C-alpha atoms as a PDB file:
ATOM      1  CA  MET A   1       3.366  51.692  35.275  1.00  0.00           C
ATOM      2  CA  SER A   2       5.977  50.036  33.868  1.00  0.00           C
ATOM      3  CA  ILE A   3       6.535  47.825  36.945  1.00  0.00           C
ATOM      4  CA  LYS A   4       3.135  47.168  36.969  1.00  0.00           C
ATOM      5  CA  LYS A   5       2.882  46.422  33.353  1.00  0.00           C
ATOM      6  CA  SER A   6       6.027  44.022  33.488  1.00  0.00           C
ATOM      7  CA  LEU A   7       4.506  42.323  36.804  1.00  0.00           C
ATOM      8  CA  TRP A   8       1.701  41.806  34.946  1.00  0.00           C
ATOM      9  CA  GLN A   9       3.270  39.959  31.762  1.00  0.00           C
ATOM     10  CA  LEU A  10       5.160  38.264  34.282  1.00  0.00           C
ATOM     11  CA  SER A  11       2.400  36.558  36.272  1.00  0.00           C
ATOM     12  CA  LEU A  12       0.853  35.812  32.509  1.00  0.00           C
ATOM     13  CA  THR A  13       3.278  34.070  31.273  1.00  0.00           C
ATOM     14  CA  LEU A  14       3.927  32.080  34.289  1.00  0.00           C
ATOM     15  CA  SER A  15       0.614  30.875  34.683  1.00  0.00           C
ATOM     16  CA  MET A  16       0.564  29.768  30.918  1.00  0.00           C
ATOM     17  CA  GLY A  17       3.739  27.893  31.744  1.00  0.00           C
ATOM     18  CA  VAL A  18       1.922  26.335  34.477  1.00  0.00           C
ATOM     19  CA  SER A  19      -1.436  25.494  32.646  1.00  0.00           C
ATOM     20  CA  LEU A  20       0.634  23.663  29.822  1.00  0.00           C
ATOM     21  CA  CYS A  21       2.673  21.791  32.485  1.00  0.00           C
ATOM     22  CA  VAL A  22      -0.379  20.675  33.970  1.00  0.00           C
ATOM     23  CA  ILE A  23      -2.300  19.807  30.625  1.00  0.00           C
ATOM     24  CA  ALA A  24       0.799  17.865  29.319  1.00  0.00           C
ATOM     25  CA  GLY A  25       1.373  15.816  32.748  1.00  0.00           C
ATOM     26  CA  TRP A  26      -2.360  14.865  32.453  1.00  0.00           C
ATOM     27  CA  SER A  27      -1.945  13.571  28.891  1.00  0.00           C
ATOM     28  CA  THR A  28       1.228  11.788  30.028  1.00  0.00           C
ATOM     29  CA  ILE A  29      -0.791  10.195  32.700  1.00  0.00           C
ATOM     30  CA  ALA A  30      -3.933   9.393  30.461  1.00  0.00           C
ATOM     31  CA  SER A  31      -1.722   7.874  27.875  1.00  0.00           C
ATOM     32  CA  ALA A  32       0.091   5.672  30.002  1.00  0.00           C
ATOM     33  CA  GLN A  33      -2.963   4.774  31.272  1.00  0.00           C
ATOM     34  CA  TYR A  34      -4.585   4.180  27.550  1.00  0.00           C
ATOM     35  CA  ARG A  35      -4.501   0.377  26.511  1.00  0.00           C
ATOM     36  CA  ALA A  36      -4.852   0.017  22.417  1.00  0.00           C
ATOM     37  CA  PRO A  37      -7.871  -2.691  21.962  1.00  0.00           C
ATOM     38  CA  GLN A  38      -6.439  -5.966  20.028  1.00  0.00           C
ATOM     39  CA  ASP A  39      -9.561  -6.954  18.357  1.00  0.00           C
ATOM     40  CA  ASP A  40      -9.807  -2.974  16.818  1.00  0.00           C
ATOM     41  CA  GLY A  41     -12.980  -3.045  18.345  1.00  0.00           C
ATOM     42  CA  PHE A  42     -14.670  -5.371  16.474  1.00  0.00           C
ATOM     43  CA  GLN A  43     -16.315  -8.787  17.902  1.00  0.00           C
ATOM     44  CA  SER A  44     -14.586 -11.870  15.638  1.00  0.00           C
ATOM     45  CA  ASN A  45     -17.838 -12.340  13.656  1.00  0.00           C
ATOM     46  CA  GLU A  46     -18.233  -8.489  12.861  1.00  0.00           C
ATOM     47  CA  GLN A  47     -16.357  -7.031   9.958  1.00  0.00           C
ATOM     48  CA  ASP A  48     -15.307  -3.274   9.047  1.00  0.00           C
ATOM     49  CA  PRO A  49     -17.972  -2.050   7.155  1.00  0.00           C
ATOM     50  CA  LEU A  50     -15.890   0.126   4.894  1.00  0.00           C
ATOM     51  CA  LEU A  51     -13.532  -2.156   4.032  1.00  0.00           C
ATOM     52  CA  GLY A  52     -15.504  -5.053   4.236  1.00  0.00           C
ATOM     53  CA  GLY A  53     -13.026  -8.231   4.604  1.00  0.00           C
ATOM     54  CA  GLY A  54     -13.902 -11.697   5.111  1.00  0.00           C
ATOM     55  CA  SER A  55     -13.943 -14.480   2.225  1.00  0.00           C
ATOM     56  CA  ASN A  56     -17.140 -12.579  -0.099  1.00  0.00           C
ATOM     57  CA  GLY A  57     -13.697 -10.333  -1.087  1.00  0.00           C
ATOM     58  CA  PHE A  58     -16.137  -7.462  -1.145  1.00  0.00           C
ATOM     59  CA  ASN A  59     -14.488  -4.220  -0.703  1.00  0.00           C
ATOM     60  CA  PRO A  60     -15.984  -1.044  -1.669  1.00  0.00           C
ATOM     61  CA  ILE A  61     -12.908   0.749  -2.020  1.00  0.00           C
ATOM     62  CA  ASP A  62     -11.050  -1.667  -4.217  1.00  0.00           C
ATOM     63  CA  ILE A  63     -14.447  -1.408  -6.693  1.00  0.00           C
ATOM     64  CA  ILE A  64     -14.102   2.209  -6.598  1.00  0.00           C
ATOM     65  CA  HIS A  65     -10.533   2.248  -7.377  1.00  0.00           C
ATOM     66  CA  ARG A  66     -10.537  -0.577 -10.402  1.00  0.00           C
ATOM     67  CA  ALA A  67     -13.760   1.793 -11.777  1.00  0.00           C
ATOM     68  CA  ASN A  68     -11.352   4.750 -11.600  1.00  0.00           C
ATOM     69  CA  LEU A  69      -8.716   2.633 -13.373  1.00  0.00           C
ATOM     70  CA  SER A  70     -11.182   1.240 -15.983  1.00  0.00           C
ATOM     71  CA  ASN A  71     -10.931   4.532 -18.056  1.00  0.00           C
ATOM     72  CA  GLY A  72     -14.626   3.993 -19.177  1.00  0.00           C
ATOM     73  CA  ARG A  73     -14.345   0.521 -20.459  1.00  0.00           C
ATOM     74  CA  SER A  74     -16.717  -2.130 -19.996  1.00  0.00           C
ATOM     75  CA  LEU A  75     -15.971  -5.524 -18.295  1.00  0.00           C
ATOM     76  CA  GLU A  76     -16.527  -7.437 -21.710  1.00  0.00           C
ATOM     77  CA  GLN A  77     -14.117  -4.318 -23.630  1.00  0.00           C
ATOM     78  CA  PHE A  78     -11.269  -4.806 -20.360  1.00  0.00           C
ATOM     79  CA  SER A  79     -11.869  -9.045 -21.178  1.00  0.00           C
ATOM     80  CA  THR A  80     -10.950  -8.865 -24.776  1.00  0.00           C
ATOM     81  CA  ASP A  81      -8.015  -6.283 -24.140  1.00  0.00           C
ATOM     82  CA  SER A  82      -6.426  -8.806 -21.384  1.00  0.00           C
ATOM     83  CA  GLU A  83      -6.850 -11.579 -23.596  1.00  0.00           C
ATOM     84  CA  ALA A  84      -5.528 -10.019 -26.495  1.00  0.00           C
ATOM     85  CA  THR A  85      -2.487  -8.976 -24.842  1.00  0.00           C
ATOM     86  CA  LEU A  86      -2.144 -12.467 -23.161  1.00  0.00           C
ATOM     87  CA  LYS A  87      -2.050 -14.092 -26.441  1.00  0.00           C
ATOM     88  CA  ASP A  88       0.660 -11.305 -27.980  1.00  0.00           C
ATOM     89  CA  SER A  89       2.602 -12.339 -24.729  1.00  0.00           C
ATOM     90  CA  ALA A  90       2.245 -15.862 -25.167  1.00  0.00           C
ATOM     91  CA  SER A  91       3.359 -15.548 -28.923  1.00  0.00           C
ATOM     92  CA  GLU A  92       6.419 -13.610 -28.195  1.00  0.00           C
ATOM     93  CA  PHE A  93       7.365 -16.104 -25.538  1.00  0.00           C
ATOM     94  CA  LYS A  94       7.257 -18.835 -27.867  1.00  0.00           C
ATOM     95  CA  ARG A  95       9.297 -17.044 -30.556  1.00  0.00           C
ATOM     96  CA  LEU A  96      11.697 -16.234 -28.122  1.00  0.00           C
ATOM     97  CA  GLN A  97      11.509 -19.693 -26.871  1.00  0.00           C
ATOM     98  CA  GLN A  98      12.185 -21.284 -30.401  1.00  0.00           C
ATOM     99  CA  GLU A  99      14.956 -18.625 -31.065  1.00  0.00           C
ATOM    100  CA  ARG A 100      16.954 -19.860 -27.973  1.00  0.00           C
ATOM    101  CA  LEU A 101      16.571 -23.595 -28.820  1.00  0.00           C
ATOM    102  CA  LEU A 102      18.052 -23.019 -32.247  1.00  0.00           C
ATOM    103  CA  GLN A 103      20.944 -21.217 -30.863  1.00  0.00           C
ATOM    104  CA  GLN A 104      21.499 -24.008 -28.320  1.00  0.00           C
ATOM    105  CA  GLN A 105      20.923 -26.539 -30.983  1.00  0.00           C
ATOM    106  CA  SER A 106      23.733 -24.839 -33.531  1.00  0.00           C
ATOM    107  CA  ALA A 107      26.167 -24.390 -30.654  1.00  0.00           C
ATOM    108  CA  PRO A 108      27.035 -27.847 -29.699  1.00  0.00           C
ATOM    109  CA  SER A 109      27.315 -28.841 -33.623  1.00  0.00           C
ATOM    110  CA  SER A 110      29.920 -26.071 -34.479  1.00  0.00           C
ATOM    111  CA  LEU A 111      31.727 -27.401 -31.137  1.00  0.00           C
ATOM    112  CA  GLU A 112      31.448 -31.383 -32.658  1.00  0.00           C
ATOM    113  CA  SER A 113      33.435 -30.375 -36.388  1.00  0.00           C
ATOM    114  CA  THR A 114      36.304 -28.292 -34.540  1.00  0.00           C
ATOM    115  CA  PRO A 115      38.979 -30.922 -34.052  1.00  0.00           C
ATOM    116  CA  GLU A 116      40.782 -31.800 -30.891  1.00  0.00           C
ATOM    117  CA  ASN A 117      44.363 -32.539 -30.221  1.00  0.00           C
END
């Protein structure tokens, strides 16, 4: 009885191996014949309905992303915050620029006052 069982297991294993080889061969042949389309399946005047595109700039996923990042602020609040940040940054830039100009102006005067040999 053990011989029949071992023969049955051997035949089952071989048949599964042959089946896998046949399936692998078919997939190789199918992939060798497949050519990816260059136009992604759209005609030149069509757009992807999910991502939009074109010159109008409408992208629903981008809108959802921006809404999630807005933390519940309105457009007016966002604009006010952005303007305040921009003004602060500009003031800081001007302050640093004035400091550097003063440093540059004071550096040459100290060089001129030193006696040369």
